[in-house]
Protein backbone atom coordinates (compact mmCIF):
# COMPACT_ATOMS: atom_id res chain seq x y z
CA MET A 1 -55.94 94.93 -42.20
CA ARG A 2 -57.42 93.65 -45.85
CA ILE A 3 -54.79 94.06 -48.73
CA LEU A 4 -55.81 93.56 -52.38
CA GLN A 5 -53.02 92.54 -54.53
CA VAL A 6 -53.28 93.15 -58.24
CA MET A 7 -50.75 91.58 -60.74
CA ALA A 8 -50.65 91.57 -64.35
CA GLY A 9 -47.57 90.37 -65.11
CA ALA A 10 -46.00 87.61 -67.74
CA LYS A 11 -46.75 83.85 -67.46
CA GLN A 12 -43.38 83.30 -66.13
CA GLY A 13 -40.73 84.95 -64.49
CA GLY A 14 -38.72 86.08 -61.83
CA ALA A 15 -40.93 88.86 -60.80
CA GLU A 16 -44.17 86.94 -61.05
CA THR A 17 -42.22 83.74 -58.77
CA ALA A 18 -41.97 86.60 -56.17
CA PHE A 19 -45.64 87.53 -55.96
CA GLU A 20 -46.70 83.90 -55.86
CA ASP A 21 -44.24 83.32 -52.95
CA ILE A 22 -44.62 87.25 -51.28
CA ILE A 23 -48.36 86.62 -51.46
CA LEU A 24 -48.06 82.97 -50.26
CA ALA A 25 -46.22 83.89 -47.49
CA LEU A 26 -48.37 86.70 -46.29
CA HIS A 27 -51.68 84.35 -46.39
CA GLY A 28 -49.14 82.08 -44.12
CA SER A 29 -48.92 85.02 -41.74
CA GLY A 30 -52.55 85.70 -41.10
CA VAL A 31 -52.90 88.68 -43.51
CA ALA A 32 -56.23 89.05 -45.14
CA GLN A 33 -56.20 89.36 -49.04
CA HIS A 34 -57.45 89.43 -51.86
CA VAL A 35 -55.94 88.82 -55.43
CA VAL A 36 -56.22 89.98 -58.82
CA ILE A 37 -54.43 88.42 -61.88
CA ARG A 38 -53.98 88.35 -65.74
CA LYS A 39 -55.57 85.08 -67.43
CA ASN A 40 -52.50 83.73 -68.51
CA ASN A 41 -51.62 81.60 -65.87
CA LYS A 42 -53.35 78.25 -64.55
CA TYR A 43 -50.72 77.03 -62.32
CA ARG A 44 -50.29 80.54 -60.26
CA LEU A 45 -54.96 80.44 -59.85
CA LYS A 46 -55.22 76.93 -58.65
CA GLN A 47 -51.28 77.90 -56.22
CA LEU A 48 -53.50 80.39 -55.17
CA GLN A 49 -56.68 79.19 -54.31
CA ASP A 50 -55.43 75.90 -53.35
CA ALA A 51 -54.34 78.10 -50.48
CA GLY A 52 -57.33 78.90 -49.56
CA ILE A 53 -57.20 83.27 -51.24
CA PRO A 54 -60.10 84.50 -53.09
CA VAL A 55 -58.90 85.13 -56.90
CA ASP A 56 -60.60 87.33 -59.89
CA VAL A 57 -59.11 87.08 -62.73
CA LEU A 58 -59.16 89.85 -65.38
CA PRO A 59 -57.96 90.22 -68.94
CA PHE A 60 -55.58 93.45 -68.10
CA GLY A 61 -55.52 94.37 -71.97
CA GLY A 62 -54.66 97.13 -74.22
CA ILE A 63 -55.73 100.48 -74.76
CA PHE A 64 -59.23 99.50 -75.49
CA ASP A 65 -59.44 97.60 -72.37
CA PHE A 66 -62.38 99.63 -70.33
CA TYR A 67 -63.17 96.35 -68.53
CA THR A 68 -60.70 95.91 -66.58
CA THR A 69 -60.57 99.10 -64.76
CA TRP A 70 -64.53 99.07 -64.41
CA ARG A 71 -64.35 95.67 -62.77
CA LEU A 72 -61.00 96.31 -60.74
CA ARG A 73 -63.81 98.98 -59.41
CA GLN A 74 -66.23 96.85 -58.48
CA ILE A 75 -64.09 94.66 -56.20
CA ILE A 76 -62.80 97.40 -54.39
CA LYS A 77 -66.38 98.12 -53.92
CA THR A 78 -67.25 94.55 -52.01
CA TYR A 79 -63.99 93.91 -51.42
CA LYS A 80 -63.30 97.05 -49.20
CA PRO A 81 -59.28 97.04 -48.95
CA ASP A 82 -57.36 98.89 -46.56
CA ILE A 83 -54.27 99.18 -48.76
CA ILE A 84 -53.98 98.13 -52.81
CA GLN A 85 -50.95 96.69 -53.75
CA THR A 86 -49.35 96.63 -57.36
CA TRP A 87 -47.13 94.63 -59.17
CA MET A 88 -45.33 96.02 -61.61
CA SER A 89 -46.97 98.52 -64.83
CA ARG A 90 -49.89 97.03 -66.45
CA ALA A 91 -51.23 96.82 -62.80
CA ALA A 92 -50.65 99.91 -61.61
CA GLN A 93 -51.80 101.72 -64.70
CA ASN A 94 -55.02 99.82 -64.29
CA THR A 95 -55.91 100.33 -60.39
CA PRO A 96 -58.18 103.64 -60.03
CA HIS A 97 -57.88 105.86 -56.78
CA VAL A 98 -60.66 105.20 -54.95
CA SER A 99 -61.10 107.59 -51.76
CA GLY A 100 -60.17 105.85 -48.08
CA VAL A 101 -57.59 103.54 -49.70
CA ILE A 102 -54.33 103.26 -49.98
CA ASN A 103 -52.63 102.40 -53.06
CA VAL A 104 -48.96 100.83 -53.12
CA ALA A 105 -46.71 100.06 -55.83
CA ARG A 106 -43.80 97.42 -55.71
CA LEU A 107 -41.11 97.71 -58.37
CA GLY A 108 -39.00 95.55 -59.44
CA GLY A 109 -37.28 97.26 -62.14
CA TYR A 110 -36.59 100.71 -63.51
CA TYR A 111 -40.13 101.61 -64.71
CA LYS A 112 -41.51 104.36 -65.99
CA LEU A 113 -43.74 106.45 -63.47
CA LYS A 114 -46.70 107.84 -66.36
CA TYR A 115 -48.20 104.49 -65.24
CA TYR A 116 -48.09 105.04 -61.38
CA LYS A 117 -50.22 107.73 -61.36
CA THR A 118 -52.34 106.30 -58.92
CA MET A 119 -49.99 105.37 -56.78
CA ASP A 120 -49.28 106.97 -53.41
CA TYR A 121 -46.63 104.65 -52.07
CA PHE A 122 -44.04 102.86 -53.11
CA ILE A 123 -42.15 99.81 -52.30
CA ALA A 124 -38.78 99.05 -54.31
CA ASN A 125 -37.12 95.51 -54.00
CA THR A 126 -33.47 96.84 -53.77
CA PRO A 127 -31.78 99.80 -52.78
CA ASP A 128 -31.00 100.97 -56.13
CA ILE A 129 -34.63 100.73 -57.43
CA MET A 130 -35.19 102.99 -54.51
CA ARG A 131 -32.59 105.94 -55.61
CA TYR A 132 -34.07 105.47 -58.81
CA LEU A 133 -37.43 106.74 -57.35
CA LEU A 134 -35.94 109.12 -55.16
CA SER A 135 -34.72 110.47 -58.31
CA VAL A 136 -37.54 111.12 -59.90
CA GLY A 137 -39.19 113.05 -57.31
CA ILE A 138 -40.48 110.61 -54.93
CA ARG A 139 -40.62 111.08 -51.51
CA GLN A 140 -38.59 109.08 -49.01
CA SER A 141 -41.19 108.68 -46.55
CA HIS A 142 -43.27 107.41 -49.38
CA VAL A 143 -40.74 105.03 -50.73
CA VAL A 144 -39.69 101.76 -48.62
CA HIS A 145 -36.92 98.92 -49.44
CA ILE A 146 -38.29 95.15 -48.72
CA ASN A 147 -35.76 92.37 -50.03
CA ASN A 148 -37.85 89.24 -52.11
CA PHE A 149 -36.92 85.77 -50.31
CA ALA A 150 -35.68 83.01 -51.38
CA LYS A 151 -38.39 80.05 -50.82
CA VAL A 152 -36.96 76.78 -49.72
CA ASP A 153 -39.20 73.93 -50.73
CA THR A 154 -38.04 71.04 -48.61
CA SER A 155 -40.88 69.52 -50.15
CA LEU A 156 -40.44 68.69 -53.59
CA PRO A 157 -39.06 65.39 -53.97
CA SER A 158 -34.74 65.24 -54.69
CA LEU A 159 -33.84 65.43 -58.40
CA SER A 160 -30.73 63.02 -59.31
CA LYS A 161 -28.38 64.26 -62.88
CA THR A 162 -29.64 61.05 -63.98
CA ASP A 163 -33.67 62.21 -64.34
CA ILE A 164 -31.77 65.52 -67.05
CA SER A 165 -29.70 62.79 -68.99
CA THR A 166 -26.49 63.77 -66.90
CA PRO A 167 -23.92 61.28 -65.70
CA LEU A 168 -23.92 61.36 -61.73
CA ASP A 169 -19.98 62.04 -61.99
CA ALA A 170 -20.57 64.90 -63.93
CA PRO A 171 -20.39 68.66 -62.98
CA VAL A 172 -23.37 70.84 -64.05
CA ALA A 173 -24.04 74.66 -64.56
CA LEU A 174 -28.04 75.85 -64.13
CA ALA A 175 -29.47 78.91 -64.97
CA LEU A 176 -32.78 79.73 -64.01
CA ALA A 177 -33.84 82.29 -66.70
CA ARG A 178 -36.07 83.23 -69.42
CA TYR A 179 -35.01 82.83 -72.64
CA HIS A 180 -34.20 86.00 -73.61
CA PRO A 181 -30.69 88.27 -75.19
CA VAL A 182 -30.85 90.06 -71.40
CA LYS A 183 -30.16 87.05 -69.34
CA ALA A 184 -26.72 86.36 -71.55
CA LEU A 185 -27.47 82.70 -71.40
CA ASP A 186 -25.19 82.06 -74.68
CA ILE A 187 -22.58 83.56 -72.76
CA LEU A 188 -22.75 80.75 -70.38
CA ILE A 189 -23.15 78.21 -73.58
CA ARG A 190 -19.72 79.55 -75.05
CA ALA A 191 -17.90 79.48 -71.20
CA ALA A 192 -19.48 75.73 -70.64
CA ALA A 193 -17.72 74.21 -73.98
CA PRO A 194 -14.05 74.12 -73.47
CA ILE A 195 -15.00 72.45 -69.52
CA LYS A 196 -14.45 68.99 -70.27
CA ASN A 197 -17.78 67.32 -69.11
CA LEU A 198 -19.59 70.39 -67.79
CA HIS A 199 -23.18 70.04 -68.71
CA VAL A 200 -25.34 72.99 -68.42
CA TRP A 201 -29.28 72.88 -67.18
CA LEU A 202 -31.47 75.60 -68.31
CA ALA A 203 -34.65 76.31 -67.27
CA GLY A 204 -37.18 78.82 -68.86
CA GLU A 205 -38.62 79.36 -71.88
CA GLY A 206 -38.50 82.11 -74.46
CA ASP A 207 -38.04 83.17 -78.29
CA GLU A 208 -34.20 82.68 -77.77
CA ALA A 209 -34.59 78.78 -77.50
CA ALA A 210 -33.87 78.23 -80.78
CA ARG A 211 -30.60 80.70 -81.40
CA LEU A 212 -29.35 78.61 -77.92
CA LYS A 213 -29.80 75.46 -79.21
CA ASN A 214 -28.02 76.32 -82.78
CA LEU A 215 -25.27 77.81 -80.89
CA ALA A 216 -25.01 74.93 -78.72
CA GLN A 217 -25.27 72.62 -82.03
CA SER A 218 -22.29 74.77 -83.29
CA LEU A 219 -20.19 74.76 -80.57
CA ASP A 220 -20.63 70.50 -80.56
CA ILE A 221 -21.96 70.23 -77.27
CA GLU A 222 -25.57 69.60 -78.04
CA ASP A 223 -25.11 66.50 -75.92
CA ARG A 224 -24.32 68.89 -72.76
CA VAL A 225 -26.70 71.32 -72.76
CA HIS A 226 -30.06 70.36 -71.74
CA PHE A 227 -32.99 73.12 -72.38
CA LEU A 228 -35.43 71.89 -69.73
CA GLY A 229 -38.69 74.67 -70.46
CA TRP A 230 -39.92 76.41 -67.71
CA ARG A 231 -40.02 74.81 -64.27
CA ASN A 232 -41.65 75.02 -60.90
CA ASP A 233 -39.05 73.08 -59.08
CA GLY A 234 -36.43 75.59 -59.40
CA ALA A 235 -34.91 74.79 -55.70
CA ALA A 236 -35.33 70.87 -56.57
CA LEU A 237 -32.54 71.97 -59.49
CA ILE A 238 -30.73 74.33 -57.70
CA ARG A 239 -29.90 71.62 -55.11
CA ALA A 240 -29.02 69.05 -57.59
CA ALA A 241 -26.91 71.05 -59.65
CA ASP A 242 -23.22 71.87 -58.68
CA ILE A 243 -23.17 75.48 -59.31
CA CYS A 244 -25.57 78.31 -60.11
CA VAL A 245 -25.10 80.64 -62.70
CA VAL A 246 -26.59 84.52 -63.29
CA PRO A 247 -24.69 85.96 -66.39
CA SER A 248 -27.32 88.63 -67.18
CA ARG A 249 -26.43 91.42 -69.27
CA PHE A 250 -29.05 93.18 -67.46
CA GLU A 251 -30.60 92.37 -63.59
CA PRO A 252 -32.41 94.51 -61.13
CA PHE A 253 -32.13 92.17 -58.90
CA GLY A 254 -31.58 88.57 -59.72
CA ASN A 255 -33.61 86.08 -57.31
CA VAL A 256 -31.99 83.10 -58.60
CA MET A 257 -29.21 85.08 -56.56
CA VAL A 258 -31.00 84.29 -53.28
CA GLN A 259 -32.52 81.08 -54.44
CA ALA A 260 -28.59 79.37 -54.82
CA TRP A 261 -27.70 81.13 -50.87
CA ALA A 262 -30.75 79.87 -49.84
CA GLY A 263 -30.47 76.35 -51.31
CA LYS A 264 -26.64 76.16 -50.54
CA THR A 265 -25.45 75.69 -53.86
CA PRO A 266 -22.25 77.97 -55.44
CA LEU A 267 -23.30 81.09 -57.19
CA VAL A 268 -21.41 82.64 -60.05
CA CYS A 269 -22.86 85.64 -61.70
CA SER A 270 -22.12 88.58 -63.36
CA ASN A 271 -21.47 92.07 -62.28
CA ALA A 272 -25.10 93.27 -63.83
CA ASP A 273 -26.57 96.00 -61.23
CA GLY A 274 -29.29 93.58 -59.52
CA PRO A 275 -26.60 91.01 -58.07
CA ALA A 276 -23.72 94.01 -58.19
CA GLN A 277 -25.56 95.58 -54.90
CA TYR A 278 -25.44 92.41 -52.99
CA VAL A 279 -22.57 89.64 -54.08
CA HIS A 280 -19.18 90.07 -52.35
CA ASP A 281 -16.56 88.69 -54.83
CA ASN A 282 -14.82 85.44 -53.44
CA GLU A 283 -16.94 85.28 -50.81
CA ASP A 284 -20.36 84.64 -51.05
CA ALA A 285 -19.64 84.21 -55.13
CA LEU A 286 -17.61 84.31 -58.20
CA VAL A 287 -18.11 87.37 -59.95
CA PHE A 288 -17.43 87.98 -64.00
CA PRO A 289 -17.85 91.12 -66.33
CA ILE A 290 -20.81 91.04 -68.06
CA ASP A 291 -20.22 89.45 -71.34
CA ASP A 292 -16.87 88.06 -70.57
CA VAL A 293 -17.14 84.37 -71.51
CA GLY A 294 -13.12 84.00 -70.97
CA ALA A 295 -13.91 84.79 -66.80
CA LEU A 296 -16.90 83.00 -66.67
CA THR A 297 -14.79 79.70 -67.97
CA ASN A 298 -13.01 80.52 -65.43
CA ALA A 299 -15.26 81.01 -62.46
CA LEU A 300 -17.08 77.85 -63.34
CA THR A 301 -13.68 75.65 -63.76
CA ARG A 302 -12.80 77.67 -60.54
CA VAL A 303 -15.40 75.77 -58.67
CA ILE A 304 -15.48 72.85 -59.92
CA ASN A 305 -11.96 72.35 -59.26
CA ASP A 306 -11.41 73.77 -56.04
CA LYS A 307 -13.70 72.04 -53.24
CA ASP A 308 -12.60 74.21 -50.52
CA LEU A 309 -13.57 77.61 -52.32
CA ALA A 310 -17.45 75.98 -53.06
CA ALA A 311 -17.76 75.05 -49.52
CA ARG A 312 -16.23 79.04 -48.34
CA LEU A 313 -19.21 80.51 -51.06
CA VAL A 314 -21.99 78.04 -49.75
CA THR A 315 -21.18 78.63 -46.26
CA ALA A 316 -21.21 82.91 -47.07
CA GLY A 317 -24.12 82.59 -49.27
CA TYR A 318 -26.36 80.58 -46.99
CA ALA A 319 -25.49 83.24 -43.92
CA ARG A 320 -26.36 85.80 -46.38
CA TYR A 321 -29.53 84.40 -46.97
CA GLU A 322 -30.69 84.09 -43.61
CA GLN A 323 -29.40 87.40 -42.34
CA GLU A 324 -31.48 89.43 -45.06
CA PHE A 325 -33.59 87.07 -47.33
CA SER A 326 -35.33 84.36 -45.04
CA LYS A 327 -38.90 84.49 -45.48
CA GLU A 328 -39.78 85.08 -42.02
CA LYS A 329 -37.40 88.92 -43.06
CA THR A 330 -39.45 89.38 -46.02
CA VAL A 331 -43.26 89.28 -44.35
CA ALA A 332 -42.11 91.02 -40.99
CA ALA A 333 -41.21 94.00 -43.15
CA TYR A 334 -44.24 93.79 -45.47
CA ARG A 335 -46.03 93.46 -42.11
CA TYR A 336 -44.36 96.71 -40.28
CA PHE A 337 -44.82 98.63 -43.85
CA TYR A 338 -48.45 97.73 -44.14
CA GLU A 339 -49.32 98.86 -40.42
CA ARG A 340 -47.17 101.94 -40.61
CA LEU A 341 -49.35 103.23 -43.19
CA LEU A 342 -52.35 102.40 -41.77
CA ALA A 343 -51.52 104.25 -38.28
CA GLU A 344 -50.29 107.05 -40.79
CA ARG A 345 -54.10 107.19 -42.41
CA ALA A 346 -56.02 106.88 -38.41
């Protein structure tokens, strides 16, 4: 089994992190892979190369980039993959269909299928994305749902709150997200303002940084809101925090939700589409309505003040992780799907 993995996503993001985790996990399970990525993240390139995975870097430019598709054809001709798996629209749009090779698109959002004309099969990372694909005419036999998994990286050094200018006795609410309006980090900042001594860690980057910093300053809590930039130690941050928050206005899945469960940190999330497909309010998470500042303040206060509640959320969340979102289950699902496709082709 030889898989060519093609990713042309952003420099950072949830889908990009899931790509790195899944490729490395498949490699660790013995799946032969060759990877093609966009030239926008040296850390991603180093991770893959250090693992011993062959990598090509291509521009994946705009409509006048004819080189990328031409070069992909050369790579396919040389590597001779059984399956090509693309990640997100730009990769699918640039990937040609070659006789004898099965093209698979992995979707982590509700993308327009005009970019997927060369794809034969589809992987959806949530049940609702699978329903979307069926609703636009993809045959059920050509779609499979495979969950992302949460990486539990115990090799990362432990973090202390003091490492992030936070008192040891202060509760911490962590969000791992791009600084973008859809992530609703402004709602988290507003919700945290009235909670005495609550510190907020925002691990990400994006165009909203200045607006979010101005908001924290206007609420007179700039000393309690910490802008950490993009971090590669998300698991350590989750373990160090008291609450993991996913306040998104729109979220097709929400990788951080599963990371919180795996990291045994209480989860508070909005009822955006992604989390709403999975979480059970008051069992494995506390759920609040999108954009409801008061409801989020109340949820954060409950977790901080009710240690029994926090412990129950952690126990139930970790059980969900083990049952549905472990690395072993995701890798087994990918391998089974690949083997099914090859058996059908034969």
